[in-house]
Every structure is written in structure tokens, then in C-alpha cells.
Amino acid sequence: MLFHPFLEHNRFLTALRRATDAAHPSIPGVLHKLELAGVSLEDQPANFAGYTSGSSPPTDEAGVLGYDVLSQFVTTVDYRHKLIYFEPVTP
């Protein structure tokens, strides 16, 4: 899910030619290319969030990764050093 401030700053919502509203607070879409940990993922499902009320998303984050993306990696969280390691899953 990509957060509204990131979408607005990078003109994603304008490029989609769709607006979010109370009845449709997020727009389903596809990221044609997503790079994570040196791996290029293509055609990843995404939600373009238009939420402007309630808990505000951080302005220094683009969004959050969901299961569709994370399931392609073995993730290791190092809480002490505040790091996340992503290792691509090999078939």
C-alpha cells in the first residue's frame, strides 16, 4: 500500500486519473516495477491509498509491504540494530 502523501507528492493519483473519496478510499493498481534488496519485482499488486482522515501516515515513508511482496523473501528482523534483511526465496 502506498500512502497518500507519497502518492500526492509524486503525482500518482493524477496519473491514475482517478480520485479517492469516502466510498473508495483506496484504488487497486499494479506497480510495474518494484526494487527491493537488489531484486526487481514486476507487476506487483498495490493499493493506492487516498485516506486523508484518521491516523495520518508518516510523511517520510512511501508505504507498507504486503504479503504478496514479502512472500518472495525470507525476512530477518534485527530489532537491536533496527534492520530488516531480505533474502530472495529460491525456487
PDB file of N, CA and C in Angstrom:
ATOM      1  N   MET A   1       0.852  -1.171   0.000  1.00  0.00           N
ATOM      2  CA  MET A   1       0.000   0.000   0.000  1.00  0.00           C
ATOM      3  C   MET A   1       0.898   1.234   0.000  1.00  0.00           C
ATOM      4  N   LEU A   2       0.610   2.116  -0.920  1.00  0.00           N
ATOM      5  CA  LEU A   2       1.334   3.382  -0.969  1.00  0.00           C
ATOM      6  C   LEU A   2       0.499   4.454  -0.287  1.00  0.00           C
ATOM      7  N   PHE A   3       1.150   5.252   0.562  1.00  0.00           N
ATOM      8  CA  PHE A   3       0.451   6.253   1.363  1.00  0.00           C
ATOM      9  C   PHE A   3       0.118   7.501   0.545  1.00  0.00           C
ATOM     10  N   HIS A   4      -0.951   8.162   0.950  1.00  0.00           N
ATOM     11  CA  HIS A   4      -1.449   9.347   0.252  1.00  0.00           C
ATOM     12  C   HIS A   4      -0.386  10.445   0.081  1.00  0.00           C
ATOM     13  N   PRO A   5       0.377  10.844   1.122  1.00  0.00           N
ATOM     14  CA  PRO A   5       1.370  11.907   0.912  1.00  0.00           C
ATOM     15  C   PRO A   5       2.382  11.554  -0.189  1.00  0.00           C
ATOM     16  N   PHE A   6       2.824  10.296  -0.242  1.00  0.00           N
ATOM     17  CA  PHE A   6       3.763   9.862  -1.272  1.00  0.00           C
ATOM     18  C   PHE A   6       3.101   9.918  -2.653  1.00  0.00           C
ATOM     19  N   LEU A   7       1.863   9.436  -2.725  1.00  0.00           N
ATOM     20  CA  LEU A   7       1.138   9.446  -3.996  1.00  0.00           C
ATOM     21  C   LEU A   7       0.920  10.865  -4.499  1.00  0.00           C
ATOM     22  N   GLU A   8       0.561  11.743  -3.584  1.00  0.00           N
ATOM     23  CA  GLU A   8       0.305  13.133  -3.958  1.00  0.00           C
ATOM     24  C   GLU A   8       1.594  13.829  -4.391  1.00  0.00           C
ATOM     25  N   HIS A   9       2.653  13.647  -3.619  1.00  0.00           N
ATOM     26  CA  HIS A   9       3.939  14.287  -3.920  1.00  0.00           C
ATOM     27  C   HIS A   9       4.485  13.841  -5.275  1.00  0.00           C
ATOM     28  N   ASN A  10       4.282  12.583  -5.622  1.00  0.00           N
ATOM     29  CA  ASN A  10       4.811  12.033  -6.871  1.00  0.00           C
ATOM     30  C   ASN A  10       3.781  11.984  -8.002  1.00  0.00           C
ATOM     31  N   ARG A  11       2.637  12.623  -7.782  1.00  0.00           N
ATOM     32  CA  ARG A  11       1.573  12.765  -8.789  1.00  0.00           C
ATOM     33  C   ARG A  11       1.008  11.439  -9.302  1.00  0.00           C
ATOM     34  N   PHE A  12       1.014  10.424  -8.460  1.00  0.00           N
ATOM     35  CA  PHE A  12       0.445   9.134  -8.855  1.00  0.00           C
ATOM     36  C   PHE A  12      -1.065   9.240  -9.073  1.00  0.00           C
ATOM     37  N   LEU A  13      -1.764   9.920  -8.161  1.00  0.00           N
ATOM     38  CA  LEU A  13      -3.216   9.993  -8.267  1.00  0.00           C
ATOM     39  C   LEU A  13      -3.625  10.754  -9.526  1.00  0.00           C
ATOM     40  N   THR A  14      -2.860  11.768  -9.900  1.00  0.00           N
ATOM     41  CA  THR A  14      -3.131  12.493 -11.136  1.00  0.00           C
ATOM     42  C   THR A  14      -2.899  11.590 -12.338  1.00  0.00           C
ATOM     43  N   ALA A  15      -1.820  10.821 -12.298  1.00  0.00           N
ATOM     44  CA  ALA A  15      -1.502   9.914 -13.408  1.00  0.00           C
ATOM     45  C   ALA A  15      -2.565   8.825 -13.557  1.00  0.00           C
ATOM     46  N   LEU A  16      -3.161   8.397 -12.441  1.00  0.00           N
ATOM     47  CA  LEU A  16      -4.202   7.374 -12.496  1.00  0.00           C
ATOM     48  C   LEU A  16      -5.518   7.917 -13.043  1.00  0.00           C
ATOM     49  N   ARG A  17      -5.629   9.245 -13.040  1.00  0.00           N
ATOM     50  CA  ARG A  17      -6.852   9.922 -13.495  1.00  0.00           C
ATOM     51  C   ARG A  17      -8.077   9.455 -12.721  1.00  0.00           C
ATOM     52  N   ARG A  18      -7.848   9.129 -11.460  1.00  0.00           N
ATOM     53  CA  ARG A  18      -8.947   8.741 -10.577  1.00  0.00           C
ATOM     54  C   ARG A  18      -8.728   9.421  -9.241  1.00  0.00           C
ATOM     55  N   ALA A  19      -9.805   9.725  -8.590  1.00  0.00           N
ATOM     56  CA  ALA A  19      -9.724  10.337  -7.271  1.00  0.00           C
ATOM     57  C   ALA A  19     -10.288   9.372  -6.243  1.00  0.00           C
ATOM     58  N   THR A  20      -9.742   9.459  -5.069  1.00  0.00           N
ATOM     59  CA  THR A  20     -10.291   8.675  -3.968  1.00  0.00           C
ATOM     60  C   THR A  20     -11.370   9.510  -3.287  1.00  0.00           C
ATOM     61  N   ASP A  21     -12.320   8.835  -2.690  1.00  0.00           N
ATOM     62  CA  ASP A  21     -13.371   9.518  -1.937  1.00  0.00           C
ATOM     63  C   ASP A  21     -13.787   8.620  -0.786  1.00  0.00           C
ATOM     64  N   ALA A  22     -14.793   9.028  -0.035  1.00  0.00           N
ATOM     65  CA  ALA A  22     -15.224   8.259   1.139  1.00  0.00           C
ATOM     66  C   ALA A  22     -15.653   6.850   0.760  1.00  0.00           C
ATOM     67  N   ALA A  23     -16.285   6.690  -0.391  1.00  0.00           N
ATOM     68  CA  ALA A  23     -16.753   5.370  -0.808  1.00  0.00           C
ATOM     69  C   ALA A  23     -15.621   4.506  -1.370  1.00  0.00           C
ATOM     70  N   HIS A  24     -14.571   5.139  -1.858  1.00  0.00           N
ATOM     71  CA  HIS A  24     -13.433   4.427  -2.468  1.00  0.00           C
ATOM     72  C   HIS A  24     -12.123   5.013  -1.935  1.00  0.00           C
ATOM     73  N   PRO A  25     -11.781   4.696  -0.667  1.00  0.00           N
ATOM     74  CA  PRO A  25     -10.601   5.312  -0.057  1.00  0.00           C
ATOM     75  C   PRO A  25      -9.267   4.777  -0.589  1.00  0.00           C
ATOM     76  N   SER A  26      -9.305   3.689  -1.355  1.00  0.00           N
ATOM     77  CA  SER A  26      -8.063   3.238  -1.983  1.00  0.00           C
ATOM     78  C   SER A  26      -8.382   2.717  -3.380  1.00  0.00           C
ATOM     79  N   ILE A  27      -7.393   2.831  -4.236  1.00  0.00           N
ATOM     80  CA  ILE A  27      -7.548   2.424  -5.626  1.00  0.00           C
ATOM     81  C   ILE A  27      -6.624   1.233  -5.867  1.00  0.00           C
ATOM     82  N   PRO A  28      -7.169   0.090  -6.277  1.00  0.00           N
ATOM     83  CA  PRO A  28      -6.291  -1.036  -6.583  1.00  0.00           C
ATOM     84  C   PRO A  28      -5.505  -0.741  -7.864  1.00  0.00           C
ATOM     85  N   GLY A  29      -4.263  -1.170  -7.883  1.00  0.00           N
ATOM     86  CA  GLY A  29      -3.430  -0.943  -9.057  1.00  0.00           C
ATOM     87  C   GLY A  29      -2.292  -1.938  -9.130  1.00  0.00           C
ATOM     88  N   VAL A  30      -1.362  -1.645  -9.990  1.00  0.00           N
ATOM     89  CA  VAL A  30      -0.211  -2.515 -10.200  1.00  0.00           C
ATOM     90  C   VAL A  30       1.047  -1.650 -10.268  1.00  0.00           C
ATOM     91  N   LEU A  31       2.070  -2.070  -9.545  1.00  0.00           N
ATOM     92  CA  LEU A  31       3.386  -1.442  -9.684  1.00  0.00           C
ATOM     93  C   LEU A  31       4.129  -2.235 -10.752  1.00  0.00           C
ATOM     94  N   HIS A  32       4.417  -1.595 -11.842  1.00  0.00           N
ATOM     95  CA  HIS A  32       5.055  -2.317 -12.948  1.00  0.00           C
ATOM     96  C   HIS A  32       6.476  -2.736 -12.612  1.00  0.00           C
ATOM     97  N   LYS A  33       7.127  -1.990 -11.720  1.00  0.00           N
ATOM     98  CA  LYS A  33       8.468  -2.378 -11.279  1.00  0.00           C
ATOM     99  C   LYS A  33       8.659  -1.912  -9.843  1.00  0.00           C
ATOM    100  N   LEU A  34       9.118  -2.823  -9.010  1.00  0.00           N
ATOM    101  CA  LEU A  34       9.414  -2.541  -7.612  1.00  0.00           C
ATOM    102  C   LEU A  34      10.767  -3.155  -7.315  1.00  0.00           C
ATOM    103  N   GLU A  35      11.696  -2.340  -6.837  1.00  0.00           N
ATOM    104  CA  GLU A  35      13.020  -2.858  -6.489  1.00  0.00           C
ATOM    105  C   GLU A  35      13.145  -2.921  -4.981  1.00  0.00           C
ATOM    106  N   LEU A  36      13.546  -4.093  -4.509  1.00  0.00           N
ATOM    107  CA  LEU A  36      13.696  -4.322  -3.081  1.00  0.00           C
ATOM    108  C   LEU A  36      14.890  -5.224  -2.858  1.00  0.00           C
ATOM    109  N   ALA A  37      15.826  -4.765  -2.079  1.00  0.00           N
ATOM    110  CA  ALA A  37      17.010  -5.553  -1.716  1.00  0.00           C
ATOM    111  C   ALA A  37      17.744  -6.061  -2.963  1.00  0.00           C
ATOM    112  N   GLY A  38      17.844  -5.204  -3.969  1.00  0.00           N
ATOM    113  CA  GLY A  38      18.565  -5.576  -5.173  1.00  0.00           C
ATOM    114  C   GLY A  38      17.808  -6.503  -6.111  1.00  0.00           C
ATOM    115  N   VAL A  39      16.542  -6.757  -5.820  1.00  0.00           N
ATOM    116  CA  VAL A  39      15.722  -7.635  -6.653  1.00  0.00           C
ATOM    117  C   VAL A  39      14.643  -6.792  -7.323  1.00  0.00           C
ATOM    118  N   SER A  40      14.491  -6.940  -8.624  1.00  0.00           N
ATOM    119  CA  SER A  40      13.430  -6.247  -9.355  1.00  0.00           C
ATOM    120  C   SER A  40      12.215  -7.153  -9.442  1.00  0.00           C
ATOM    121  N   LEU A  41      11.105  -6.674  -8.914  1.00  0.00           N
ATOM    122  CA  LEU A  41       9.839  -7.399  -8.982  1.00  0.00           C
ATOM    123  C   LEU A  41       8.960  -6.674  -9.988  1.00  0.00           C
ATOM    124  N   GLU A  42       8.284  -7.419 -10.832  1.00  0.00           N
ATOM    125  CA  GLU A  42       7.453  -6.805 -11.854  1.00  0.00           C
ATOM    126  C   GLU A  42       5.979  -7.111 -11.617  1.00  0.00           C
ATOM    127  N   ASP A  43       5.156  -6.161 -11.997  1.00  0.00           N
ATOM    128  CA  ASP A  43       3.694  -6.297 -11.949  1.00  0.00           C
ATOM    129  C   ASP A  43       3.186  -6.763 -10.581  1.00  0.00           C
ATOM    130  N   GLN A  44       3.547  -6.006  -9.570  1.00  0.00           N
ATOM    131  CA  GLN A  44       3.128  -6.311  -8.204  1.00  0.00           C
ATOM    132  C   GLN A  44       1.818  -5.591  -7.887  1.00  0.00           C
ATOM    133  N   PRO A  45       0.828  -6.312  -7.326  1.00  0.00           N
ATOM    134  CA  PRO A  45      -0.421  -5.650  -6.959  1.00  0.00           C
ATOM    135  C   PRO A  45      -0.161  -4.615  -5.869  1.00  0.00           C
ATOM    136  N   ALA A  46      -0.914  -3.521  -5.937  1.00  0.00           N
ATOM    137  CA  ALA A  46      -0.736  -2.442  -4.957  1.00  0.00           C
ATOM    138  C   ALA A  46      -2.070  -1.766  -4.711  1.00  0.00           C
ATOM    139  N   ASN A  47      -2.171  -1.114  -3.567  1.00  0.00           N
ATOM    140  CA  ASN A  47      -3.302  -0.244  -3.266  1.00  0.00           C
ATOM    141  C   ASN A  47      -2.759   1.163  -3.129  1.00  0.00           C
ATOM    142  N   PHE A  48      -3.400   2.080  -3.847  1.00  0.00           N
ATOM    143  CA  PHE A  48      -3.025   3.481  -3.768  1.00  0.00           C
ATOM    144  C   PHE A  48      -3.987   4.139  -2.790  1.00  0.00           C
ATOM    145  N   ALA A  49      -3.498   4.412  -1.593  1.00  0.00           N
ATOM    146  CA  ALA A  49      -4.368   4.865  -0.507  1.00  0.00           C
ATOM    147  C   ALA A  49      -4.644   6.355  -0.597  1.00  0.00           C
ATOM    148  N   GLY A  50      -5.907   6.684  -0.516  1.00  0.00           N
ATOM    149  CA  GLY A  50      -6.305   8.077  -0.529  1.00  0.00           C
ATOM    150  C   GLY A  50      -6.782   8.557   0.817  1.00  0.00           C
ATOM    151  N   TYR A  51      -6.542   7.754   1.850  1.00  0.00           N
ATOM    152  CA  TYR A  51      -7.025   8.094   3.188  1.00  0.00           C
ATOM    153  C   TYR A  51      -6.457   9.442   3.613  1.00  0.00           C
ATOM    154  N   THR A  52      -7.324  10.353   3.951  1.00  0.00           N
ATOM    155  CA  THR A  52      -6.879  11.668   4.414  1.00  0.00           C
ATOM    156  C   THR A  52      -7.405  11.979   5.802  1.00  0.00           C
ATOM    157  N   SER A  53      -8.158  11.052   6.392  1.00  0.00           N
ATOM    158  CA  SER A  53      -8.641  11.256   7.760  1.00  0.00           C
ATOM    159  C   SER A  53      -8.219  10.067   8.601  1.00  0.00           C
ATOM    160  N   GLY A  54      -8.383  10.202   9.885  1.00  0.00           N
ATOM    161  CA  GLY A  54      -7.960   9.130  10.790  1.00  0.00           C
ATOM    162  C   GLY A  54      -6.479   9.241  11.074  1.00  0.00           C
ATOM    163  N   SER A  55      -5.851   8.136  11.373  1.00  0.00           N
ATOM    164  CA  SER A  55      -4.432   8.119  11.683  1.00  0.00           C
ATOM    165  C   SER A  55      -3.632   8.518  10.443  1.00  0.00           C
ATOM    166  N   SER A  56      -2.821   9.532  10.575  1.00  0.00           N
ATOM    167  CA  SER A  56      -2.046  10.020   9.436  1.00  0.00           C
ATOM    168  C   SER A  56      -0.814   9.156   9.215  1.00  0.00           C
ATOM    169  N   PRO A  57      -0.553   8.775   7.966  1.00  0.00           N
ATOM    170  CA  PRO A  57       0.654   8.011   7.687  1.00  0.00           C
ATOM    171  C   PRO A  57       1.878   8.906   7.798  1.00  0.00           C
ATOM    172  N   PRO A  58       3.019   8.321   8.086  1.00  0.00           N
ATOM    173  CA  PRO A  58       4.234   9.123   8.156  1.00  0.00           C
ATOM    174  C   PRO A  58       4.544   9.740   6.794  1.00  0.00           C
ATOM    175  N   THR A  59       5.045  10.957   6.794  1.00  0.00           N
ATOM    176  CA  THR A  59       5.358  11.618   5.530  1.00  0.00           C
ATOM    177  C   THR A  59       6.719  11.204   4.976  1.00  0.00           C
ATOM    178  N   ASP A  60       7.518  10.490   5.768  1.00  0.00           N
ATOM    179  CA  ASP A  60       8.839  10.064   5.288  1.00  0.00           C
ATOM    180  C   ASP A  60       8.853   8.598   4.846  1.00  0.00           C
ATOM    181  N   GLU A  61       7.673   7.997   4.696  1.00  0.00           N
ATOM    182  CA  GLU A  61       7.566   6.621   4.222  1.00  0.00           C
ATOM    183  C   GLU A  61       6.641   6.585   3.011  1.00  0.00           C
ATOM    184  N   ALA A  62       7.009   5.786   2.016  1.00  0.00           N
ATOM    185  CA  ALA A  62       6.183   5.664   0.815  1.00  0.00           C
ATOM    186  C   ALA A  62       4.970   4.783   1.068  1.00  0.00           C
ATOM    187  N   GLY A  63       5.117   3.755   1.909  1.00  0.00           N
ATOM    188  CA  GLY A  63       4.013   2.842   2.154  1.00  0.00           C
ATOM    189  C   GLY A  63       4.451   1.642   2.961  1.00  0.00           C
ATOM    190  N   VAL A  64       3.680   0.570   2.862  1.00  0.00           N
ATOM    191  CA  VAL A  64       3.985  -0.660   3.568  1.00  0.00           C
ATOM    192  C   VAL A  64       3.980  -1.825   2.578  1.00  0.00           C
ATOM    193  N   LEU A  65       4.785  -2.825   2.876  1.00  0.00           N
ATOM    194  CA  LEU A  65       4.847  -4.021   2.039  1.00  0.00           C
ATOM    195  C   LEU A  65       3.845  -5.043   2.545  1.00  0.00           C
ATOM    196  N   GLY A  66       3.136  -5.664   1.625  1.00  0.00           N
ATOM    197  CA  GLY A  66       2.158  -6.676   1.983  1.00  0.00           C
ATOM    198  C   GLY A  66       2.684  -8.071   1.728  1.00  0.00           C
ATOM    199  N   TYR A  67       1.820  -9.043   1.977  1.00  0.00           N
ATOM    200  CA  TYR A  67       2.196 -10.445   1.853  1.00  0.00           C
ATOM    201  C   TYR A  67       2.651 -10.801   0.445  1.00  0.00           C
ATOM    202  N   ASP A  68       2.004 -10.237  -0.579  1.00  0.00           N
ATOM    203  CA  ASP A  68       2.374 -10.560  -1.960  1.00  0.00           C
ATOM    204  C   ASP A  68       3.848 -10.290  -2.223  1.00  0.00           C
ATOM    205  N   VAL A  69       4.369  -9.221  -1.660  1.00  0.00           N
ATOM    206  CA  VAL A  69       5.790  -8.889  -1.836  1.00  0.00           C
ATOM    207  C   VAL A  69       6.639  -9.676  -0.851  1.00  0.00           C
ATOM    208  N   LEU A  70       6.269  -9.640   0.420  1.00  0.00           N
ATOM    209  CA  LEU A  70       7.093 -10.274   1.454  1.00  0.00           C
ATOM    210  C   LEU A  70       7.217 -11.782   1.270  1.00  0.00           C
ATOM    211  N   SER A  71       6.215 -12.426   0.672  1.00  0.00           N
ATOM    212  CA  SER A  71       6.276 -13.876   0.491  1.00  0.00           C
ATOM    213  C   SER A  71       7.361 -14.288  -0.499  1.00  0.00           C
ATOM    214  N   GLN A  72       7.941 -13.332  -1.191  1.00  0.00           N
ATOM    215  CA  GLN A  72       9.004 -13.628  -2.151  1.00  0.00           C
ATOM    216  C   GLN A  72      10.397 -13.545  -1.516  1.00  0.00           C
ATOM    217  N   PHE A  73      10.424 -13.299  -0.197  1.00  0.00           N
ATOM    218  CA  PHE A  73      11.684 -13.140   0.528  1.00  0.00           C
ATOM    219  C   PHE A  73      11.641 -13.888   1.858  1.00  0.00           C
ATOM    220  N   VAL A  74      12.812 -14.290   2.319  1.00  0.00           N
ATOM    221  CA  VAL A  74      12.975 -14.701   3.707  1.00  0.00           C
ATOM    222  C   VAL A  74      13.409 -13.430   4.418  1.00  0.00           C
ATOM    223  N   THR A  75      12.633 -13.017   5.405  1.00  0.00           N
ATOM    224  CA  THR A  75      12.969 -11.778   6.109  1.00  0.00           C
ATOM    225  C   THR A  75      13.499 -12.094   7.502  1.00  0.00           C
ATOM    226  N   THR A  76      14.515 -11.360   7.882  1.00  0.00           N
ATOM    227  CA  THR A  76      15.092 -11.477   9.217  1.00  0.00           C
ATOM    228  C   THR A  76      15.094 -10.084   9.830  1.00  0.00           C
ATOM    229  N   VAL A  77      14.509  -9.948  11.011  1.00  0.00           N
ATOM    230  CA  VAL A  77      14.432  -8.657  11.675  1.00  0.00           C
ATOM    231  C   VAL A  77      15.456  -8.614  12.797  1.00  0.00           C
ATOM    232  N   ASP A  78      16.328  -7.631  12.743  1.00  0.00           N
ATOM    233  CA  ASP A  78      17.323  -7.389  13.784  1.00  0.00           C
ATOM    234  C   ASP A  78      16.850  -6.172  14.574  1.00  0.00           C
ATOM    235  N   TYR A  79      16.088  -6.442  15.627  1.00  0.00           N
ATOM    236  CA  TYR A  79      15.489  -5.358  16.401  1.00  0.00           C
ATOM    237  C   TYR A  79      16.545  -4.498  17.084  1.00  0.00           C
ATOM    238  N   ARG A  80      17.597  -5.115  17.569  1.00  0.00           N
ATOM    239  CA  ARG A  80      18.630  -4.373  18.285  1.00  0.00           C
ATOM    240  C   ARG A  80      19.250  -3.295  17.399  1.00  0.00           C
ATOM    241  N   HIS A  81      19.509  -3.638  16.129  1.00  0.00           N
ATOM    242  CA  HIS A  81      20.161  -2.691  15.221  1.00  0.00           C
ATOM    243  C   HIS A  81      19.179  -2.001  14.273  1.00  0.00           C
ATOM    244  N   LYS A  82      17.883  -2.273  14.471  1.00  0.00           N
ATOM    245  CA  LYS A  82      16.822  -1.661  13.670  1.00  0.00           C
ATOM    246  C   LYS A  82      17.042  -1.896  12.175  1.00  0.00           C
ATOM    247  N   LEU A  83      17.263  -3.173  11.811  1.00  0.00           N
ATOM    248  CA  LEU A  83      17.499  -3.563  10.421  1.00  0.00           C
ATOM    249  C   LEU A  83      16.580  -4.709  10.039  1.00  0.00           C
ATOM    250  N   ILE A  84      16.216  -4.751   8.781  1.00  0.00           N
ATOM    251  CA  ILE A  84      15.485  -5.887   8.223  1.00  0.00           C
ATOM    252  C   ILE A  84      16.287  -6.388   7.034  1.00  0.00           C
ATOM    253  N   TYR A  85      16.541  -7.676   7.026  1.00  0.00           N
ATOM    254  CA  TYR A  85      17.282  -8.302   5.926  1.00  0.00           C
ATOM    255  C   TYR A  85      16.284  -9.035   5.038  1.00  0.00           C
ATOM    256  N   PHE A  86      16.421  -8.870   3.736  1.00  0.00           N
ATOM    257  CA  PHE A  86      15.568  -9.542   2.755  1.00  0.00           C
ATOM    258  C   PHE A  86      16.435 -10.453   1.905  1.00  0.00           C
ATOM    259  N   GLU A  87      16.139 -11.739   1.925  1.00  0.00           N
ATOM    260  CA  GLU A  87      16.839 -12.693   1.080  1.00  0.00           C
ATOM    261  C   GLU A  87      15.828 -13.310   0.128  1.00  0.00           C
ATOM    262  N   PRO A  88      16.057 -13.170  -1.192  1.00  0.00           N
ATOM    263  CA  PRO A  88      15.079 -13.720  -2.138  1.00  0.00           C
ATOM    264  C   PRO A  88      14.887 -15.230  -1.943  1.00  0.00           C
ATOM    265  N   VAL A  89      13.645 -15.666  -2.033  1.00  0.00           N
ATOM    266  CA  VAL A  89      13.336 -17.084  -1.953  1.00  0.00           C
ATOM    267  C   VAL A  89      13.772 -17.727  -3.268  1.00  0.00           C
ATOM    268  N   THR A  90      14.513 -18.808  -3.166  1.00  0.00           N
ATOM    269  CA  THR A  90      14.921 -19.517  -4.390  1.00  0.00           C
ATOM    270  C   THR A  90      13.991 -20.708  -4.601  1.00  0.00           C
ATOM    271  N   PRO A  91      13.475 -20.843  -5.825  1.00  0.00           N
ATOM    272  CA  PRO A  91      12.507 -21.936  -6.074  1.00  0.00           C
ATOM    273  C   PRO A  91      13.120 -23.305  -5.943  1.00  0.00           C
TER     274      PRO A  91
END
